Protein backbone atom coordinates (compact mmCIF):
# COMPACT_ATOMS: atom_id res chain seq x y z
CA MET A 1 -0.11 0.01 0.03
CA ARG A 2 1.37 3.29 -0.67
CA PHE A 3 0.79 6.56 1.03
CA MET A 4 1.26 10.20 1.27
CA LYS A 5 4.86 11.33 1.56
CA GLU A 6 5.87 12.01 5.17
CA SER A 7 7.80 10.58 8.13
CA VAL A 8 8.59 7.43 10.09
CA ILE A 9 9.83 6.48 13.52
CA ALA A 10 11.55 2.78 15.22
CA ALA A 11 12.14 1.25 18.75
CA PRO A 12 14.78 -1.35 19.63
CA PRO A 13 14.76 -5.06 18.73
CA PRO A 14 14.31 -7.90 21.69
CA ALA A 15 16.26 -6.84 23.76
CA ALA A 16 18.19 -10.11 23.52
CA ALA A 17 20.73 -9.33 21.25
CA ALA A 18 23.37 -7.07 21.08
CA VAL A 19 23.26 -5.11 17.79
CA PRO A 20 26.76 -5.19 16.02
CA PRO A 21 27.50 -1.59 14.41
CA ALA A 22 26.56 -1.80 10.17
CA GLY A 23 30.21 -3.19 9.29
CA ALA A 24 30.14 -6.05 11.54
CA VAL A 25 27.80 -7.28 8.70
CA ASP A 26 29.32 -8.05 5.24
CA ALA A 27 27.66 -6.34 2.37
CA ALA A 28 27.00 -9.92 0.58
CA THR A 29 25.21 -10.79 3.80
CA ARG A 30 23.16 -7.89 4.09
CA ALA A 31 22.16 -7.60 0.50
CA ALA A 32 20.71 -11.46 0.86
CA VAL A 33 19.39 -10.87 4.16
CA SER A 34 17.35 -7.85 2.94
CA ALA A 35 15.71 -9.25 -0.61
CA PRO A 36 11.78 -9.90 0.75
CA ALA A 37 10.61 -13.25 1.98
CA PRO A 38 8.09 -15.11 0.13
CA GLY A 39 4.75 -13.04 0.19
CA ALA A 40 6.31 -9.87 0.97
CA GLU A 41 6.02 -8.19 -2.73
CA LEU A 42 2.24 -8.85 -1.93
CA TYR A 43 2.09 -7.52 1.84
CA PRO A 44 4.96 -5.02 2.94
CA ALA A 45 3.76 -5.47 6.36
CA LEU A 46 5.37 -8.91 6.39
CA ASP A 47 8.64 -7.43 4.77
CA PHE A 48 8.16 -4.81 8.07
CA ALA A 49 7.75 -7.27 10.12
CA ASN A 50 10.99 -8.91 8.83
CA SER A 51 12.76 -5.68 8.63
CA ALA A 52 14.92 -7.24 12.14
CA ILE A 53 17.15 -10.34 11.03
CA THR A 54 19.04 -12.15 13.21
CA LEU A 55 21.75 -14.12 11.48
CA PRO A 56 24.31 -17.30 12.78
CA GLY A 57 26.62 -15.91 14.86
CA GLY A 58 25.18 -13.99 17.19
CA GLN A 59 24.60 -11.05 14.60
CA PHE A 60 21.62 -9.00 14.01
CA ILE A 61 20.70 -6.64 11.46
CA ASP A 62 18.03 -3.73 12.08
CA LEU A 63 16.76 -2.22 8.47
CA LEU A 64 15.17 0.38 10.81
CA GLY A 65 18.13 0.45 13.10
CA THR A 66 18.76 4.84 12.15
CA PRO A 67 17.28 7.40 11.02
CA ALA A 68 18.68 6.83 7.56
CA ALA A 69 17.82 3.09 7.19
CA ALA A 70 14.43 3.56 8.18
CA GLU A 71 14.61 6.41 5.91
CA GLU A 72 15.79 4.28 3.11
CA TRP A 73 13.40 1.58 3.83
CA LEU A 74 10.24 3.52 3.70
CA VAL A 75 11.64 5.24 0.77
CA GLY A 76 11.68 1.75 -0.91
CA HIS A 77 8.16 0.75 0.04
CA GLY A 78 6.45 4.21 -1.52
CA LEU A 79 6.26 5.30 2.11
CA ALA A 80 8.46 8.27 2.42
CA PRO A 81 9.50 10.65 -0.20
CA ALA A 82 13.37 11.04 -0.76
CA GLY A 83 15.11 13.51 1.77
CA ALA A 84 12.22 13.36 4.41
CA GLY A 85 14.76 13.76 7.64
CA LEU A 86 13.55 11.05 9.50
CA GLN A 87 14.70 11.74 13.68
CA ASP A 88 15.55 9.20 15.68
CA ILE A 89 12.13 9.46 17.43
CA CYS A 90 10.77 8.70 13.72
CA ALA A 91 12.75 5.70 13.14
CA ALA A 92 11.89 4.41 16.89
CA ARG A 93 7.90 4.80 16.30
CA LEU A 94 8.60 2.63 13.54
CA ARG A 95 11.01 -0.13 15.75
CA ALA A 96 7.84 -0.31 18.09
CA LEU A 97 5.07 -0.80 15.76
CA ARG A 98 7.34 -3.28 14.23
CA GLU A 99 7.48 -5.04 17.41
CA GLN A 100 3.82 -5.20 17.65
CA VAL A 101 3.31 -6.51 14.43
CA ARG A 102 5.60 -9.26 15.29
CA ALA A 103 3.51 -10.24 18.39
CA LEU A 104 0.19 -10.34 16.44
CA VAL A 105 1.95 -12.67 13.78
CA ALA A 106 3.58 -15.08 16.76
CA ALA A 107 0.46 -15.11 18.52
CA HIS A 108 -1.94 -16.17 15.10
CA LEU A 109 1.25 -18.74 14.32
CA ALA A 110 0.66 -20.44 17.67
CA GLY A 111 -2.80 -20.15 17.89
CA GLN A 112 -2.82 -18.14 21.13
CA PRO A 113 -5.30 -15.15 21.48
CA ALA A 114 -4.14 -11.74 19.96
CA PRO A 115 -1.80 -9.73 22.52
CA ALA A 116 -4.47 -7.03 23.80
CA ALA A 117 -0.85 -4.32 23.80
CA ALA A 118 -0.30 -5.32 20.17
CA LEU A 119 -4.31 -4.86 19.00
CA ALA A 120 -3.94 -1.76 20.68
CA ALA A 121 -0.72 -0.02 19.02
CA VAL A 122 -2.02 -1.27 15.57
CA ASN A 123 -5.59 0.36 16.20
CA ASP A 124 -4.22 3.57 17.49
CA ALA A 125 -1.68 3.78 14.03
CA LEU A 126 -4.87 2.74 12.21
CA THR A 127 -6.83 5.97 13.54
CA ARG A 128 -4.13 8.38 14.09
CA ALA A 129 -3.02 9.50 10.32
CA PRO A 130 -4.80 13.10 9.47
CA ALA A 131 -7.48 12.85 7.26
CA ALA A 132 -7.32 16.48 6.66
CA TYR A 133 -5.36 19.60 6.74
CA ARG A 134 -6.20 21.19 10.31
CA LEU A 135 -7.57 24.88 10.59
CA GLY A 136 -5.22 27.26 12.03
CA TRP A 137 -5.12 31.01 12.94
CA ASP A 138 -2.46 33.66 12.69
CA PRO A 139 -2.37 37.48 13.25
CA ASP A 140 -0.89 37.61 9.84
CA ARG A 141 -2.51 35.33 7.94
CA GLY A 142 -6.13 35.02 9.50
CA LEU A 143 -7.75 31.66 9.43
CA HIS A 144 -6.00 29.12 7.40
CA ARG A 145 -5.61 25.24 6.38
CA GLU A 146 -2.21 24.01 7.68
CA VAL A 147 -0.11 21.11 7.93
CA ALA A 148 1.16 19.42 10.75
CA HIS A 149 5.06 19.32 11.01
CA PRO A 150 5.44 17.09 7.79
CA VAL A 151 7.68 14.60 8.94
CA ASP A 152 5.10 14.08 11.76
CA ARG A 153 2.62 13.90 9.31
CA LEU A 154 4.47 11.50 6.97
CA VAL A 155 5.32 9.37 9.93
CA GLU A 156 1.65 9.24 10.74
CA HIS A 157 0.73 8.62 7.42
CA ALA A 158 3.63 5.42 7.01
CA LEU A 159 2.53 4.07 10.66
CA ALA A 160 -1.22 3.97 9.49
CA ALA A 161 -0.20 2.30 5.88
CA LEU A 162 1.82 -0.65 7.44
CA ALA A 163 -1.23 -1.03 10.69
CA ALA A 164 -3.49 -1.23 7.62
CA GLY A 165 -1.25 -4.13 5.75
CA THR A 166 -1.24 -5.92 8.95
CA ALA A 167 -4.38 -6.00 8.83
CA ASP A 168 -4.98 -7.40 5.56
CA LEU A 169 -2.62 -9.95 6.08
CA LEU A 170 -3.72 -11.60 9.49
CA THR A 171 -7.66 -11.37 7.75
CA ALA A 172 -6.71 -12.47 4.29
CA PRO A 173 -7.21 -15.94 2.99
CA ASP A 174 -3.22 -15.90 3.01
CA ALA A 175 -2.87 -15.77 6.91
CA ALA A 176 -3.30 -19.75 6.53
CA ARG A 177 -0.20 -19.23 4.25
CA LEU A 178 2.02 -17.65 7.16
CA THR A 179 5.26 -19.47 8.50
CA ALA A 180 8.13 -18.44 10.64
CA CYS A 181 11.23 -19.51 8.59
CA GLY A 182 12.36 -23.00 9.61
CA SER A 183 16.21 -22.43 9.54
CA ALA A 184 17.46 -21.15 12.98
CA PRO A 185 18.44 -18.91 14.23
CA CYS A 186 16.49 -16.64 11.88
CA THR A 187 13.49 -15.12 13.02
CA ARG A 188 11.80 -13.53 9.61
CA TYR A 189 8.07 -15.00 8.65
CA LEU A 190 6.96 -15.82 4.83
CA LEU A 191 3.97 -16.95 3.24
CA ARG A 192 4.11 -20.85 2.65
CA HIS A 193 4.48 -22.12 -0.89
CA GLY A 194 4.23 -25.63 -0.88
CA ARG A 195 6.50 -27.31 1.02
CA ARG A 196 8.89 -24.80 1.10
CA GLN A 197 9.72 -23.29 4.77
CA TRP A 198 12.37 -20.98 4.31
CA CYS A 199 12.66 -17.32 3.86
CA SER A 200 15.64 -17.34 1.06
CA THR A 201 17.98 -19.83 -0.48
CA ARG A 202 20.45 -18.60 2.15
CA CYS A 203 18.22 -20.22 4.97
CA GLY A 204 17.30 -23.31 2.88
CA ASP A 205 20.69 -24.37 2.07
CA ARG A 206 21.93 -23.67 6.08
CA ALA A 207 18.76 -25.95 6.76
CA ARG A 208 19.69 -28.87 4.76
CA ALA A 209 23.41 -28.42 5.40
CA ALA A 210 21.77 -29.01 9.43
CA ARG A 211 19.79 -31.87 8.75
CA ALA A 212 22.67 -33.57 6.47
CA TYR A 213 25.39 -32.78 9.66
CA ALA A 214 22.93 -34.73 11.69
CA ARG A 215 22.27 -37.71 9.52
CA ARG A 216 25.88 -37.84 9.36
CA ASP A 217 26.00 -37.80 13.40
CA ARG A 218 23.68 -40.07 13.48
CA HIS A 219 25.79 -43.11 11.21
């Protein structure tokens, strides 16, 4: 879903893993894991949930980890214009919503009730995007229509688009195909196609190698 040009926000990944500096993950690995998982081309909210990526060896990539990274992600998904000028608070709001989206997906896959806090966060994002310009007044112009701070407005619209996409994903027939990547320690989600349980060729190769080692050890 594409939305009006405005701005975004982010919050830290689950407190567990230490986040290495960007240079700690080589460019080839970063490019490989940044490729959308199956289904993300249909549901940008799935790509949003997958923007925090756990790698073998305790490495972690957060595609929303800095204002610049968050802006690049939004621009790439048609949710912000280049040069929007996202701030730390914008990236933090994006990350915060992402964690709630992941909580909803995890509960769905586990057959558990949707967490109340996650529902509230998604519904809040859905309803906060302003539908019209505000009415303002000042001595020079008198009454006039005005836009809230452009970066704030951009963030609200981006969050609303991602929240709406999450609602679409979890209520569509495709929700039955949602699954977690079957190659530990990957934490990405995908839409299952046939027997495929991996989000990428890299994860599939790792899972097959792990099974081969396990068979060899048994013999």
